[in-house]
Amino acid sequence: MMRRRVAIMDSDPAGKIWSEWYAWHPVSPIDDSVFWLETVYRRESPEGLWQYRSFRPEFERQQALTCIPICPGA
């Protein structure tokens, strides 16, 4: 599988770069709900931990939330 690097600059004053990454295990982006088996962006925090973001527009986030069943297994 080929991974491409994406330089997305956040409003972070340090100008850290987010890399495209395939979430092969569940991750919780700082701007969205849980992602698993989907593409997200990640960078290393100053503490050495991974931070994840989806960079999805708000309307896509809301649309995804409406697809979640109220009752598990429904």
PDB file of N, CA and C in Angstrom:
ATOM      1  N   MET A   1       0.841  -1.176   0.000  1.00  0.00           N
ATOM      2  CA  MET A   1       0.000   0.000   0.000  1.00  0.00           C
ATOM      3  C   MET A   1       0.891   1.245   0.000  1.00  0.00           C
ATOM      4  N   MET A   2       0.586   2.159  -0.843  1.00  0.00           N
ATOM      5  CA  MET A   2       1.388   3.369  -0.985  1.00  0.00           C
ATOM      6  C   MET A   2       0.779   4.503  -0.166  1.00  0.00           C
ATOM      7  N   ARG A   3       1.583   5.106   0.695  1.00  0.00           N
ATOM      8  CA  ARG A   3       1.113   6.246   1.490  1.00  0.00           C
ATOM      9  C   ARG A   3       1.706   7.513   0.913  1.00  0.00           C
ATOM     10  N   ARG A   4       0.884   8.518   0.758  1.00  0.00           N
ATOM     11  CA  ARG A   4       1.408   9.787   0.273  1.00  0.00           C
ATOM     12  C   ARG A   4       1.422  10.781   1.425  1.00  0.00           C
ATOM     13  N   ARG A   5       2.390  11.647   1.413  1.00  0.00           N
ATOM     14  CA  ARG A   5       2.522  12.671   2.445  1.00  0.00           C
ATOM     15  C   ARG A   5       1.722  13.898   2.032  1.00  0.00           C
ATOM     16  N   VAL A   6       0.995  14.439   2.960  1.00  0.00           N
ATOM     17  CA  VAL A   6       0.203  15.629   2.694  1.00  0.00           C
ATOM     18  C   VAL A   6       0.626  16.697   3.688  1.00  0.00           C
ATOM     19  N   ALA A   7       0.949  17.849   3.184  1.00  0.00           N
ATOM     20  CA  ALA A   7       1.353  18.946   4.058  1.00  0.00           C
ATOM     21  C   ALA A   7       0.154  19.850   4.298  1.00  0.00           C
ATOM     22  N   ILE A   8      -0.508  19.653   5.413  1.00  0.00           N
ATOM     23  CA  ILE A   8      -1.643  20.492   5.792  1.00  0.00           C
ATOM     24  C   ILE A   8      -1.203  21.316   6.986  1.00  0.00           C
ATOM     25  N   MET A   9      -1.170  22.602   6.800  1.00  0.00           N
ATOM     26  CA  MET A   9      -0.752  23.473   7.883  1.00  0.00           C
ATOM     27  C   MET A   9      -1.970  23.858   8.701  1.00  0.00           C
ATOM     28  N   ASP A  10      -1.894  23.640   9.982  1.00  0.00           N
ATOM     29  CA  ASP A  10      -2.965  24.000  10.899  1.00  0.00           C
ATOM     30  C   ASP A  10      -2.734  25.447  11.329  1.00  0.00           C
ATOM     31  N   SER A  11      -3.681  26.003  12.066  1.00  0.00           N
ATOM     32  CA  SER A  11      -3.518  27.362  12.572  1.00  0.00           C
ATOM     33  C   SER A  11      -2.543  27.386  13.748  1.00  0.00           C
ATOM     34  N   ASP A  12      -1.920  26.274  14.025  1.00  0.00           N
ATOM     35  CA  ASP A  12      -0.937  26.149  15.088  1.00  0.00           C
ATOM     36  C   ASP A  12       0.257  27.061  14.780  1.00  0.00           C
ATOM     37  N   PRO A  13       0.658  27.905  15.735  1.00  0.00           N
ATOM     38  CA  PRO A  13       1.769  28.816  15.468  1.00  0.00           C
ATOM     39  C   PRO A  13       3.080  28.093  15.173  1.00  0.00           C
ATOM     40  N   ALA A  14       3.230  26.867  15.659  1.00  0.00           N
ATOM     41  CA  ALA A  14       4.455  26.120  15.395  1.00  0.00           C
ATOM     42  C   ALA A  14       4.489  25.625  13.956  1.00  0.00           C
ATOM     43  N   GLY A  15       3.334  25.619  13.268  1.00  0.00           N
ATOM     44  CA  GLY A  15       3.278  25.211  11.870  1.00  0.00           C
ATOM     45  C   GLY A  15       3.588  23.745  11.656  1.00  0.00           C
ATOM     46  N   LYS A  16       3.121  22.900  12.550  1.00  0.00           N
ATOM     47  CA  LYS A  16       3.380  21.469  12.423  1.00  0.00           C
ATOM     48  C   LYS A  16       2.610  20.898  11.243  1.00  0.00           C
ATOM     49  N   ILE A  17       3.152  19.874  10.630  1.00  0.00           N
ATOM     50  CA  ILE A  17       2.564  19.285   9.434  1.00  0.00           C
ATOM     51  C   ILE A  17       1.771  18.035   9.787  1.00  0.00           C
ATOM     52  N   TRP A  18       0.567  17.913   9.213  1.00  0.00           N
ATOM     53  CA  TRP A  18      -0.287  16.739   9.379  1.00  0.00           C
ATOM     54  C   TRP A  18      -0.003  15.784   8.229  1.00  0.00           C
ATOM     55  N   SER A  19       0.144  14.493   8.515  1.00  0.00           N
ATOM     56  CA  SER A  19       0.382  13.472   7.497  1.00  0.00           C
ATOM     57  C   SER A  19      -0.857  12.622   7.325  1.00  0.00           C
ATOM     58  N   GLU A  20      -1.166  12.267   6.074  1.00  0.00           N
ATOM     59  CA  GLU A  20      -2.293  11.381   5.807  1.00  0.00           C
ATOM     60  C   GLU A  20      -1.941   9.996   6.335  1.00  0.00           C
ATOM     61  N   TRP A  21      -2.913   9.340   6.991  1.00  0.00           N
ATOM     62  CA  TRP A  21      -2.671   8.042   7.611  1.00  0.00           C
ATOM     63  C   TRP A  21      -3.949   7.226   7.582  1.00  0.00           C
ATOM     64  N   TYR A  22      -3.837   5.930   7.307  1.00  0.00           N
ATOM     65  CA  TYR A  22      -4.995   5.037   7.284  1.00  0.00           C
ATOM     66  C   TYR A  22      -5.187   4.462   8.681  1.00  0.00           C
ATOM     67  N   ALA A  23      -6.323   4.744   9.297  1.00  0.00           N
ATOM     68  CA  ALA A  23      -6.595   4.308  10.679  1.00  0.00           C
ATOM     69  C   ALA A  23      -6.954   2.828  10.694  1.00  0.00           C
ATOM     70  N   TRP A  24      -5.958   1.974  10.826  1.00  0.00           N
ATOM     71  CA  TRP A  24      -6.197   0.527  10.860  1.00  0.00           C
ATOM     72  C   TRP A  24      -6.631   0.062  12.241  1.00  0.00           C
ATOM     73  N   HIS A  25      -6.629   0.949  13.210  1.00  0.00           N
ATOM     74  CA  HIS A  25      -7.214   0.690  14.534  1.00  0.00           C
ATOM     75  C   HIS A  25      -8.041   1.924  14.901  1.00  0.00           C
ATOM     76  N   PRO A  26      -9.027   1.801  15.793  1.00  0.00           N
ATOM     77  CA  PRO A  26      -9.876   2.953  16.132  1.00  0.00           C
ATOM     78  C   PRO A  26      -9.065   4.112  16.724  1.00  0.00           C
ATOM     79  N   VAL A  27      -9.299   5.306  16.208  1.00  0.00           N
ATOM     80  CA  VAL A  27      -8.672   6.522  16.728  1.00  0.00           C
ATOM     81  C   VAL A  27      -9.755   7.576  16.924  1.00  0.00           C
ATOM     82  N   SER A  28      -9.501   8.496  17.829  1.00  0.00           N
ATOM     83  CA  SER A  28     -10.459   9.562  18.116  1.00  0.00           C
ATOM     84  C   SER A  28      -9.835  10.908  17.737  1.00  0.00           C
ATOM     85  N   PRO A  29     -10.170  11.431  16.550  1.00  0.00           N
ATOM     86  CA  PRO A  29      -9.627  12.729  16.144  1.00  0.00           C
ATOM     87  C   PRO A  29     -10.074  13.848  17.090  1.00  0.00           C
ATOM     88  N   ILE A  30      -9.267  14.884  17.199  1.00  0.00           N
ATOM     89  CA  ILE A  30      -9.589  15.993  18.098  1.00  0.00           C
ATOM     90  C   ILE A  30     -10.747  16.830  17.579  1.00  0.00           C
ATOM     91  N   ASP A  31     -11.109  16.657  16.302  1.00  0.00           N
ATOM     92  CA  ASP A  31     -12.183  17.460  15.717  1.00  0.00           C
ATOM     93  C   ASP A  31     -13.369  16.630  15.235  1.00  0.00           C
ATOM     94  N   ASP A  32     -13.460  15.366  15.632  1.00  0.00           N
ATOM     95  CA  ASP A  32     -14.507  14.500  15.080  1.00  0.00           C
ATOM     96  C   ASP A  32     -14.735  13.310  16.009  1.00  0.00           C
ATOM     97  N   SER A  33     -15.607  12.392  15.571  1.00  0.00           N
ATOM     98  CA  SER A  33     -15.869  11.180  16.346  1.00  0.00           C
ATOM     99  C   SER A  33     -14.871  10.090  15.941  1.00  0.00           C
ATOM    100  N   VAL A  34     -15.055   8.890  16.430  1.00  0.00           N
ATOM    101  CA  VAL A  34     -14.112   7.788  16.207  1.00  0.00           C
ATOM    102  C   VAL A  34     -14.011   7.425  14.726  1.00  0.00           C
ATOM    103  N   PHE A  35     -12.789   7.209  14.264  1.00  0.00           N
ATOM    104  CA  PHE A  35     -12.511   6.749  12.903  1.00  0.00           C
ATOM    105  C   PHE A  35     -11.841   5.390  12.985  1.00  0.00           C
ATOM    106  N   TRP A  36     -12.221   4.511  12.066  1.00  0.00           N
ATOM    107  CA  TRP A  36     -11.608   3.185  12.001  1.00  0.00           C
ATOM    108  C   TRP A  36     -11.720   2.700  10.573  1.00  0.00           C
ATOM    109  N   LEU A  37     -10.634   2.225  10.017  1.00  0.00           N
ATOM    110  CA  LEU A  37     -10.558   1.767   8.630  1.00  0.00           C
ATOM    111  C   LEU A  37     -10.933   2.882   7.656  1.00  0.00           C
ATOM    112  N   GLU A  38     -10.473   4.083   7.974  1.00  0.00           N
ATOM    113  CA  GLU A  38     -10.688   5.267   7.141  1.00  0.00           C
ATOM    114  C   GLU A  38      -9.410   6.099   7.164  1.00  0.00           C
ATOM    115  N   THR A  39      -9.312   7.040   6.261  1.00  0.00           N
ATOM    116  CA  THR A  39      -8.154   7.927   6.219  1.00  0.00           C
ATOM    117  C   THR A  39      -8.364   9.107   7.160  1.00  0.00           C
ATOM    118  N   VAL A  40      -7.363   9.369   7.986  1.00  0.00           N
ATOM    119  CA  VAL A  40      -7.337  10.537   8.862  1.00  0.00           C
ATOM    120  C   VAL A  40      -5.965  11.189   8.691  1.00  0.00           C
ATOM    121  N   TYR A  41      -5.735  12.259   9.409  1.00  0.00           N
ATOM    122  CA  TYR A  41      -4.439  12.928   9.397  1.00  0.00           C
ATOM    123  C   TYR A  41      -3.874  12.890  10.810  1.00  0.00           C
ATOM    124  N   ARG A  42      -2.562  12.738  10.911  1.00  0.00           N
ATOM    125  CA  ARG A  42      -1.946  12.682  12.235  1.00  0.00           C
ATOM    126  C   ARG A  42      -0.636  13.458  12.247  1.00  0.00           C
ATOM    127  N   ARG A  43      -0.256  13.858  13.464  1.00  0.00           N
ATOM    128  CA  ARG A  43       1.035  14.489  13.707  1.00  0.00           C
ATOM    129  C   ARG A  43       1.442  14.144  15.128  1.00  0.00           C
ATOM    130  N   GLU A  44       2.706  14.307  15.415  1.00  0.00           N
ATOM    131  CA  GLU A  44       3.203  14.018  16.758  1.00  0.00           C
ATOM    132  C   GLU A  44       3.121  15.286  17.601  1.00  0.00           C
ATOM    133  N   SER A  45       2.568  15.140  18.801  1.00  0.00           N
ATOM    134  CA  SER A  45       2.450  16.281  19.708  1.00  0.00           C
ATOM    135  C   SER A  45       3.805  16.545  20.371  1.00  0.00           C
ATOM    136  N   PRO A  46       3.964  17.691  21.019  1.00  0.00           N
ATOM    137  CA  PRO A  46       5.222  17.969  21.726  1.00  0.00           C
ATOM    138  C   PRO A  46       5.541  16.930  22.809  1.00  0.00           C
ATOM    139  N   GLU A  47       4.491  16.271  23.334  1.00  0.00           N
ATOM    140  CA  GLU A  47       4.690  15.245  24.364  1.00  0.00           C
ATOM    141  C   GLU A  47       5.083  13.899  23.765  1.00  0.00           C
ATOM    142  N   GLY A  48       5.122  13.798  22.445  1.00  0.00           N
ATOM    143  CA  GLY A  48       5.484  12.547  21.791  1.00  0.00           C
ATOM    144  C   GLY A  48       4.310  11.628  21.506  1.00  0.00           C
ATOM    145  N   LEU A  49       3.074  12.114  21.699  1.00  0.00           N
ATOM    146  CA  LEU A  49       1.875  11.315  21.429  1.00  0.00           C
ATOM    147  C   LEU A  49       1.309  11.703  20.068  1.00  0.00           C
ATOM    148  N   TRP A  50       0.570  10.783  19.445  1.00  0.00           N
ATOM    149  CA  TRP A  50      -0.062  11.085  18.162  1.00  0.00           C
ATOM    150  C   TRP A  50      -1.348  11.864  18.374  1.00  0.00           C
ATOM    151  N   GLN A  51      -1.558  12.893  17.562  1.00  0.00           N
ATOM    152  CA  GLN A  51      -2.817  13.637  17.501  1.00  0.00           C
ATOM    153  C   GLN A  51      -3.439  13.331  16.147  1.00  0.00           C
ATOM    154  N   TYR A  52      -4.763  13.173  16.132  1.00  0.00           N
ATOM    155  CA  TYR A  52      -5.468  12.844  14.893  1.00  0.00           C
ATOM    156  C   TYR A  52      -6.499  13.918  14.579  1.00  0.00           C
ATOM    157  N   ARG A  53      -6.722  14.168  13.276  1.00  0.00           N
ATOM    158  CA  ARG A  53      -7.767  15.085  12.802  1.00  0.00           C
ATOM    159  C   ARG A  53      -8.386  14.495  11.556  1.00  0.00           C
ATOM    160  N   SER A  54      -9.649  14.829  11.332  1.00  0.00           N
ATOM    161  CA  SER A  54     -10.316  14.341  10.128  1.00  0.00           C
ATOM    162  C   SER A  54     -10.353  15.398   9.032  1.00  0.00           C
ATOM    163  N   PHE A  55     -10.371  16.668   9.402  1.00  0.00           N
ATOM    164  CA  PHE A  55     -10.499  17.781   8.473  1.00  0.00           C
ATOM    165  C   PHE A  55     -11.779  17.676   7.641  1.00  0.00           C
ATOM    166  N   ARG A  56     -12.815  16.999   8.182  1.00  0.00           N
ATOM    167  CA  ARG A  56     -14.102  16.923   7.476  1.00  0.00           C
ATOM    168  C   ARG A  56     -14.878  18.205   7.725  1.00  0.00           C
ATOM    169  N   PRO A  57     -15.605  18.695   6.714  1.00  0.00           N
ATOM    170  CA  PRO A  57     -16.455  19.875   6.929  1.00  0.00           C
ATOM    171  C   PRO A  57     -17.568  19.551   7.930  1.00  0.00           C
ATOM    172  N   GLU A  58     -18.085  20.576   8.574  1.00  0.00           N
ATOM    173  CA  GLU A  58     -19.117  20.398   9.607  1.00  0.00           C
ATOM    174  C   GLU A  58     -20.345  19.662   9.078  1.00  0.00           C
ATOM    175  N   PHE A  59     -20.790  19.962   7.860  1.00  0.00           N
ATOM    176  CA  PHE A  59     -21.988  19.295   7.343  1.00  0.00           C
ATOM    177  C   PHE A  59     -21.756  17.795   7.145  1.00  0.00           C
ATOM    178  N   GLU A  60     -20.523  17.381   6.795  1.00  0.00           N
ATOM    179  CA  GLU A  60     -20.228  15.948   6.670  1.00  0.00           C
ATOM    180  C   GLU A  60     -20.234  15.273   8.041  1.00  0.00           C
ATOM    181  N   ARG A  61     -19.742  15.972   9.065  1.00  0.00           N
ATOM    182  CA  ARG A  61     -19.774  15.412  10.426  1.00  0.00           C
ATOM    183  C   ARG A  61     -21.204  15.207  10.887  1.00  0.00           C
ATOM    184  N   GLN A  62     -22.049  16.212  10.650  1.00  0.00           N
ATOM    185  CA  GLN A  62     -23.455  16.105  11.052  1.00  0.00           C
ATOM    186  C   GLN A  62     -24.161  14.990  10.295  1.00  0.00           C
ATOM    187  N   GLN A  63     -23.874  14.850   9.019  1.00  0.00           N
ATOM    188  CA  GLN A  63     -24.485  13.796   8.210  1.00  0.00           C
ATOM    189  C   GLN A  63     -24.075  12.418   8.726  1.00  0.00           C
ATOM    190  N   ALA A  64     -22.818  12.253   9.106  1.00  0.00           N
ATOM    191  CA  ALA A  64     -22.350  10.975   9.640  1.00  0.00           C
ATOM    192  C   ALA A  64     -23.029  10.657  10.969  1.00  0.00           C
ATOM    193  N   LEU A  65     -23.258  11.681  11.801  1.00  0.00           N
ATOM    194  CA  LEU A  65     -23.914  11.457  13.091  1.00  0.00           C
ATOM    195  C   LEU A  65     -25.362  11.012  12.929  1.00  0.00           C
ATOM    196  N   THR A  66     -26.032  11.481  11.886  1.00  0.00           N
ATOM    197  CA  THR A  66     -27.430  11.080  11.682  1.00  0.00           C
ATOM    198  C   THR A  66     -27.544   9.633  11.216  1.00  0.00           C
ATOM    199  N   CYS A  67     -26.462   9.055  10.728  1.00  0.00           N
ATOM    200  CA  CYS A  67     -26.472   7.660  10.264  1.00  0.00           C
ATOM    201  C   CYS A  67     -26.215   6.668  11.395  1.00  0.00           C
ATOM    202  N   ILE A  68     -25.843   7.157  12.577  1.00  0.00           N
ATOM    203  CA  ILE A  68     -25.576   6.266  13.711  1.00  0.00           C
ATOM    204  C   ILE A  68     -26.908   5.830  14.308  1.00  0.00           C
ATOM    205  N   PRO A  69     -27.146   4.513  14.419  1.00  0.00           N
ATOM    206  CA  PRO A  69     -28.423   4.057  14.988  1.00  0.00           C
ATOM    207  C   PRO A  69     -28.548   4.428  16.464  1.00  0.00           C
ATOM    208  N   ILE A  70     -29.761   4.753  16.879  1.00  0.00           N
ATOM    209  CA  ILE A  70     -30.017   5.099  18.278  1.00  0.00           C
ATOM    210  C   ILE A  70     -29.882   3.862  19.152  1.00  0.00           C
ATOM    211  N   CYS A  71     -30.359   2.749  18.654  1.00  0.00           N
ATOM    212  CA  CYS A  71     -30.317   1.487  19.385  1.00  0.00           C
ATOM    213  C   CYS A  71     -29.210   0.609  18.794  1.00  0.00           C
ATOM    214  N   PRO A  72     -28.212   0.197  19.595  1.00  0.00           N
ATOM    215  CA  PRO A  72     -27.147  -0.652  19.061  1.00  0.00           C
ATOM    216  C   PRO A  72     -27.720  -1.920  18.420  1.00  0.00           C
ATOM    217  N   GLY A  73     -27.181  -2.257  17.277  1.00  0.00           N
ATOM    218  CA  GLY A  73     -27.636  -3.448  16.572  1.00  0.00           C
ATOM    219  C   GLY A  73     -28.800  -3.192  15.642  1.00  0.00           C
ATOM    220  N   ALA A  74     -29.294  -1.950  15.593  1.00  0.00           N
ATOM    221  CA  ALA A  74     -30.447  -1.632  14.732  1.00  0.00           C
ATOM    222  C   ALA A  74     -30.026  -1.506  13.291  1.00  0.00           C
TER     223      ALA A  74
END
